[in-house]
Structures are given as structure tokens and as C-alpha cells.
Amino acid sequence: MPSEYRSTGSGPGPITPDGCAVEFYALVSERGESQIVHEAAGPGASILELGCGAGRVTRPLVALGHLVVAVDESADMLSHVTGAETVCSPIQTLSLGRHFDAVLLSSNLINVPDDGVRAELLAACRAHVADTGSVIVQQHPPAWFEVAEDRERTQDGIILRTRDFTRPAPGLLSGTVEYVAGDRRWTQTFTARQLSEPALTASLAQAGLRLDRYLTPDQGWFRAVPVPADHTPADHTPR
């Protein structure tokens, strides 16, 4: 990935290779993600959570009755995860030799600007999902790329600011997120790629997956399903 597109972070405590502040993510709670995943995966489904961070979604999924295996490349992040089996590994090189009812790829990881990295992420999803299972993905809503602007809000007593948006190339959006909790302040810069539906379906197809349906009205969450190796895809309109 070009160095100018790599995510970077700053602030107190450990910072992961993609710029995430461990102490910040240990502070925040989920915002309804677990219910979206629960409904898409089905009651009691085993879930492989890729890029679990500090476990803010892991814990509620376990509470909902799911057996979760939580994967992250940061041992510092995994030290905050409770109630689930943890695996410290980059997603791209993960090889558990196991299959799950659902594989979760959240945190907009699919919007990575490098197409090759996206292909590796989706390949890892396909390698670990059961043939009858599903891959549940969070993406930046496509329309967000057109309207992103400076914004401030508060969650869990933490001030979150987005700022300094630029568009370095067609389909790319760069910006900075700032988090303030008391006297602690973290920043993370990022570049994300907008995925049109044709681009998304092409990326999924390359990995042996098919877009099944969107899970939220803004298309920020979707469900994909495996395509059998001997299956010739037909026209499909997501529900």
C-alpha cells in the first residue's frame, strides 16, 4: 500500500499498526453492531470476528449466546477481550483450519484503499466460513463519501471529531478522527476507498462470495454468502 495512504495514529498508550489507539477502544461501547450481526448470523451461530479490537462487539455477541473466536493483530487489543477465544494474527495470513457459521469483518476494513489487501481480507473470510454460512461486513456507506464533513459528537463521555477531509484520488477519501477523553487525546488519520455496488460485487466474486442482502438502509452493513466452486453465478439483485 502506498505510504501516503497508510493509517497512522497518535496519543497515549499503545497504537496498533493501522493507527488505532488501544486505550481509546477499551473505553467505548458498541453502537448496535452486535444486534445487526446477531440477526444476520442467526441465533447460536458460531462467529469468527476478524479485527475484533478491544472486544466492544465481542462481549455483546457472547452475551447473545454466540461462540466467538476473536482475531486481532494487536496483543494489546486482545488483552481487553473477555468471554471469547482469542487469536493474535493479521487477518491476511490467518489459517485456523476451522469453519464458522458466520465470519464478521467490521470497522470498515473492506474500504482499505489497496485492492490487493481487500482481496486478501475477503479470501480469509471465505476460507473460514462454512459453505452454508455467511460473511457479515461493515463498510462506509457509499453515499458518505460524497457528503463527509467536519463533525463533532459525544459517545460514552468521549468527544469524537472528524476533520480535514481531502480527496487525494478518484474514489478515495482521507481524513482525521480525533478522540478526547478528559486530558487524553488521540488522533487517527485514514484513507478509505468508496465501493460502488459493481466494485463490491466484483471483489466478493473474486473471493468466491456473493452479495446476499444489505442489512441497513444506508448499505453500511451487508451479508454475503459463499458461492459453491462449481456454481456459475446468475444475475442477482440484493434484497
Protein backbone atom coordinates (compact mmCIF):
# COMPACT_ATOMS: atom_id res chain seq x y z
CA MET A 1 0.00 0.00 0.00
CA PRO A 2 1.42 3.44 -0.84
CA SER A 3 2.83 5.00 2.33
CA GLU A 4 0.70 8.14 1.89
CA TYR A 5 -2.43 6.01 2.26
CA ARG A 6 -1.39 4.17 5.42
CA SER A 7 -3.44 4.89 8.53
CA THR A 8 -1.46 6.43 11.36
CA GLY A 9 -2.32 7.30 14.94
CA SER A 10 -1.07 9.33 17.88
CA GLY A 11 -1.79 9.66 21.58
CA PRO A 12 -1.13 7.98 24.91
CA GLY A 13 -0.76 4.23 25.23
CA PRO A 14 -0.22 1.57 22.55
CA ILE A 15 -1.07 2.39 18.94
CA THR A 16 -1.75 -0.52 16.57
CA PRO A 17 -0.10 -0.80 13.13
CA ASP A 18 -3.23 0.67 11.50
CA GLY A 19 -3.27 3.68 13.82
CA CYS A 20 -5.88 2.58 16.38
CA ALA A 21 -5.42 3.72 19.97
CA VAL A 22 -5.87 0.76 22.30
CA GLU A 23 -6.78 2.86 25.35
CA PHE A 24 -9.50 4.66 23.40
CA TYR A 25 -11.10 1.48 22.07
CA ALA A 26 -11.04 -0.01 25.56
CA LEU A 27 -13.23 2.89 26.70
CA VAL A 28 -16.03 2.86 24.12
CA SER A 29 -19.10 0.66 23.95
CA GLU A 30 -20.82 -0.75 20.90
CA ARG A 31 -23.49 1.13 18.97
CA GLY A 32 -25.88 -1.64 17.99
CA GLU A 33 -23.46 -3.62 15.86
CA SER A 34 -23.99 -6.86 17.80
CA GLN A 35 -27.72 -6.88 17.10
CA ILE A 36 -27.13 -6.45 13.37
CA VAL A 37 -24.69 -9.35 13.41
CA HIS A 38 -26.92 -11.50 15.62
CA GLU A 39 -29.91 -11.13 13.31
CA ALA A 40 -27.84 -11.78 10.17
CA ALA A 41 -25.96 -14.78 11.56
CA GLY A 42 -28.89 -16.39 13.36
CA PRO A 43 -29.31 -17.47 16.99
CA GLY A 44 -26.49 -19.60 18.35
CA ALA A 45 -24.26 -19.19 15.29
CA SER A 46 -20.54 -19.63 15.77
CA ILE A 47 -18.78 -16.42 14.78
CA LEU A 48 -15.22 -15.66 13.69
CA GLU A 49 -14.69 -11.97 14.40
CA LEU A 50 -11.86 -10.53 12.31
CA GLY A 51 -10.25 -7.35 13.62
CA CYS A 52 -12.04 -7.53 16.97
CA GLY A 53 -10.06 -4.72 18.61
CA ALA A 54 -10.66 -4.43 22.35
CA GLY A 55 -13.82 -6.56 22.18
CA ARG A 56 -16.53 -3.93 22.31
CA VAL A 57 -18.65 -6.02 19.90
CA THR A 58 -17.27 -9.38 21.04
CA ARG A 59 -18.69 -9.14 24.55
CA PRO A 60 -22.29 -8.40 23.49
CA LEU A 61 -22.16 -11.18 20.89
CA VAL A 62 -21.11 -13.64 23.59
CA ALA A 63 -23.92 -12.32 25.80
CA LEU A 64 -26.35 -13.02 22.94
CA GLY A 65 -25.33 -16.69 23.02
CA HIS A 66 -22.69 -16.88 20.29
CA LEU A 67 -19.46 -18.83 20.46
CA VAL A 68 -16.94 -16.24 19.25
CA VAL A 69 -13.34 -16.59 18.15
CA ALA A 70 -11.86 -13.08 18.21
CA VAL A 71 -8.89 -12.25 15.96
CA ASP A 72 -6.68 -9.18 16.03
CA GLU A 73 -3.06 -8.49 15.13
CA SER A 74 -2.59 -6.44 18.32
CA ALA A 75 -1.88 -8.34 21.53
CA ASP A 76 -2.60 -5.10 23.40
CA MET A 77 -6.12 -5.02 21.95
CA LEU A 78 -6.71 -8.71 22.69
CA SER A 79 -5.74 -8.22 26.34
CA HIS A 80 -9.08 -6.42 26.79
CA VAL A 81 -11.21 -9.18 25.20
CA THR A 82 -13.18 -11.37 27.58
CA GLY A 83 -15.54 -14.30 27.11
CA ALA A 84 -14.11 -15.46 23.77
CA GLU A 85 -11.23 -17.46 22.40
CA THR A 86 -8.61 -15.04 21.08
CA VAL A 87 -6.11 -15.39 18.24
CA CYS A 88 -3.30 -12.87 17.64
CA SER A 89 -2.74 -12.74 13.88
CA PRO A 90 -3.05 -10.45 10.90
CA ILE A 91 -6.27 -11.25 9.06
CA GLN A 92 -4.49 -11.71 5.74
CA THR A 93 -2.34 -14.61 6.99
CA LEU A 94 -4.92 -16.26 9.25
CA SER A 95 -5.28 -20.01 8.74
CA LEU A 96 -7.22 -21.69 11.53
CA GLY A 97 -8.28 -24.80 9.61
CA ARG A 98 -11.79 -24.32 11.01
CA HIS A 99 -15.09 -23.13 9.58
CA PHE A 100 -17.71 -20.94 11.23
CA ASP A 101 -21.39 -20.27 10.73
CA ALA A 102 -20.55 -16.59 10.29
CA VAL A 103 -17.44 -14.53 9.69
CA LEU A 104 -17.56 -10.89 10.78
CA LEU A 105 -15.44 -8.21 9.10
CA SER A 106 -16.39 -4.90 10.71
CA SER A 107 -14.78 -1.49 11.33
CA ASN A 108 -14.94 -0.65 7.60
CA LEU A 109 -11.84 -2.74 6.93
CA ILE A 110 -13.20 -3.58 3.50
CA ASN A 111 -12.74 0.07 2.49
CA VAL A 112 -8.96 -0.27 2.60
CA PRO A 113 -7.54 1.71 -0.35
CA ASP A 114 -5.32 -1.17 -1.52
CA ASP A 115 -7.30 -3.56 -3.74
CA GLY A 116 -4.81 -6.34 -3.08
CA VAL A 117 -5.27 -6.10 0.68
CA ARG A 118 -9.06 -6.11 0.23
CA ALA A 119 -8.75 -9.30 -1.81
CA GLU A 120 -6.70 -10.91 0.98
CA LEU A 121 -9.23 -9.89 3.64
CA LEU A 122 -12.13 -11.37 1.70
CA ALA A 123 -10.14 -14.51 0.91
CA ALA A 124 -9.62 -15.01 4.65
CA CYS A 125 -13.37 -14.62 5.17
CA ARG A 126 -14.14 -17.24 2.53
CA ALA A 127 -11.51 -19.64 3.85
CA HIS A 128 -13.12 -19.69 7.29
CA VAL A 129 -16.86 -19.56 6.56
CA ALA A 130 -18.89 -22.74 6.27
CA ASP A 131 -20.38 -23.40 2.83
CA THR A 132 -23.82 -22.85 4.33
CA GLY A 133 -22.73 -19.85 6.39
CA SER A 134 -22.45 -16.12 5.82
CA VAL A 135 -19.94 -13.30 5.85
CA ILE A 136 -21.17 -10.15 7.59
CA VAL A 137 -19.39 -6.96 6.61
CA GLN A 138 -19.46 -3.34 7.70
CA GLN A 139 -18.50 -0.75 5.10
CA HIS A 140 -18.54 3.01 4.90
CA PRO A 141 -21.94 3.80 3.35
CA PRO A 142 -21.25 4.64 -0.31
CA ALA A 143 -23.14 7.95 -0.06
CA TRP A 144 -20.96 9.06 2.87
CA PHE A 145 -18.02 9.67 0.56
CA GLU A 146 -19.97 12.44 -1.16
CA VAL A 147 -21.15 14.23 1.99
CA ALA A 148 -18.38 13.67 4.57
CA GLU A 149 -17.72 16.86 6.51
CA ASP A 150 -16.27 18.11 9.79
CA ARG A 151 -18.38 16.85 12.66
CA GLU A 152 -18.32 16.58 16.44
CA ARG A 153 -20.32 14.30 18.70
CA THR A 154 -20.04 12.70 22.14
CA GLN A 155 -20.18 8.99 22.96
CA ASP A 156 -19.56 7.44 26.38
CA GLY A 157 -18.39 10.85 27.59
CA ILE A 158 -15.74 10.97 24.85
CA ILE A 159 -15.63 13.77 22.26
CA LEU A 160 -15.24 12.45 18.72
CA ARG A 161 -14.32 14.84 15.92
CA THR A 162 -13.87 14.14 12.20
CA ARG A 163 -11.97 16.76 10.23
CA ASP A 164 -9.51 17.64 7.45
CA PHE A 165 -11.21 15.68 4.68
CA THR A 166 -9.49 15.56 1.31
CA ARG A 167 -9.99 13.52 -1.86
CA PRO A 168 -6.49 12.52 -2.99
CA ALA A 169 -7.69 10.48 -5.99
CA PRO A 170 -10.98 9.40 -7.57
CA GLY A 171 -12.89 7.18 -5.17
CA LEU A 172 -10.60 7.91 -2.22
CA LEU A 173 -11.36 9.96 0.88
CA SER A 174 -8.78 10.90 3.52
CA GLY A 175 -9.44 12.45 6.89
CA THR A 176 -8.57 12.60 10.56
CA VAL A 177 -10.56 11.40 13.55
CA GLU A 178 -9.82 12.95 16.93
CA TYR A 179 -10.90 11.48 20.29
CA VAL A 180 -10.78 13.41 23.58
CA ALA A 181 -11.42 11.80 26.97
CA GLY A 182 -10.59 14.10 29.86
CA ASP A 183 -6.98 15.12 29.42
CA ARG A 184 -6.23 12.33 26.96
CA ARG A 185 -6.31 12.95 23.22
CA TRP A 186 -5.82 10.54 20.32
CA THR A 187 -5.88 11.02 16.57
CA GLN A 188 -6.11 8.63 13.65
CA THR A 189 -5.65 9.56 10.02
CA PHE A 190 -7.10 7.31 7.35
CA THR A 191 -7.77 6.89 3.67
CA ALA A 192 -10.80 4.90 2.56
CA ARG A 193 -11.94 3.69 -0.85
CA GLN A 194 -15.55 4.11 -1.93
CA LEU A 195 -17.03 0.85 -3.17
CA SER A 196 -19.78 1.08 -5.72
CA GLU A 197 -22.05 -1.93 -5.86
CA PRO A 198 -20.41 -3.23 -9.06
CA ALA A 199 -16.96 -2.88 -7.46
CA LEU A 200 -18.17 -4.57 -4.31
CA THR A 201 -19.78 -7.50 -6.11
CA ALA A 202 -16.65 -7.95 -8.24
CA SER A 203 -14.44 -8.06 -5.14
CA LEU A 204 -16.76 -10.55 -3.50
CA ALA A 205 -16.88 -12.73 -6.61
CA GLN A 206 -13.10 -12.84 -6.75
CA ALA A 207 -13.15 -14.33 -3.24
CA GLY A 208 -15.91 -16.84 -4.03
CA LEU A 209 -18.66 -14.85 -2.33
CA ARG A 210 -21.96 -13.34 -3.45
CA LEU A 211 -23.78 -10.30 -2.13
CA ASP A 212 -26.92 -11.63 -0.46
CA ARG A 213 -28.56 -8.53 1.01
CA TYR A 214 -27.96 -5.21 2.70
CA LEU A 215 -28.62 -5.20 6.43
CA THR A 216 -29.12 -1.45 6.95
CA PRO A 217 -30.88 1.18 4.83
CA ASP A 218 -27.64 3.14 4.26
CA GLN A 219 -25.90 -0.02 2.93
CA GLY A 220 -23.34 0.31 5.70
CA TRP A 221 -23.78 -3.37 6.55
CA PHE A 222 -24.30 -6.29 4.20
CA ARG A 223 -24.40 -10.07 4.19
CA ALA A 224 -22.52 -12.19 1.67
CA VAL A 225 -22.74 -15.93 1.15
CA PRO A 226 -20.32 -18.47 -0.31
CA VAL A 227 -20.58 -19.46 -3.94
CA PRO A 228 -20.04 -23.20 -4.50
CA ALA A 229 -16.91 -23.89 -6.51
CA ASP A 230 -18.90 -25.49 -9.35
CA HIS A 231 -21.58 -22.77 -9.43
CA THR A 232 -21.93 -20.31 -12.28
CA PRO A 233 -23.28 -17.06 -10.78
CA ALA A 234 -26.61 -15.86 -12.13
CA ASP A 235 -27.95 -12.35 -12.06
CA HIS A 236 -28.81 -11.45 -8.50
CA THR A 237 -30.45 -8.36 -7.10
CA PRO A 238 -29.71 -7.84 -3.38
CA ARG A 239 -32.76 -7.52 -1.20
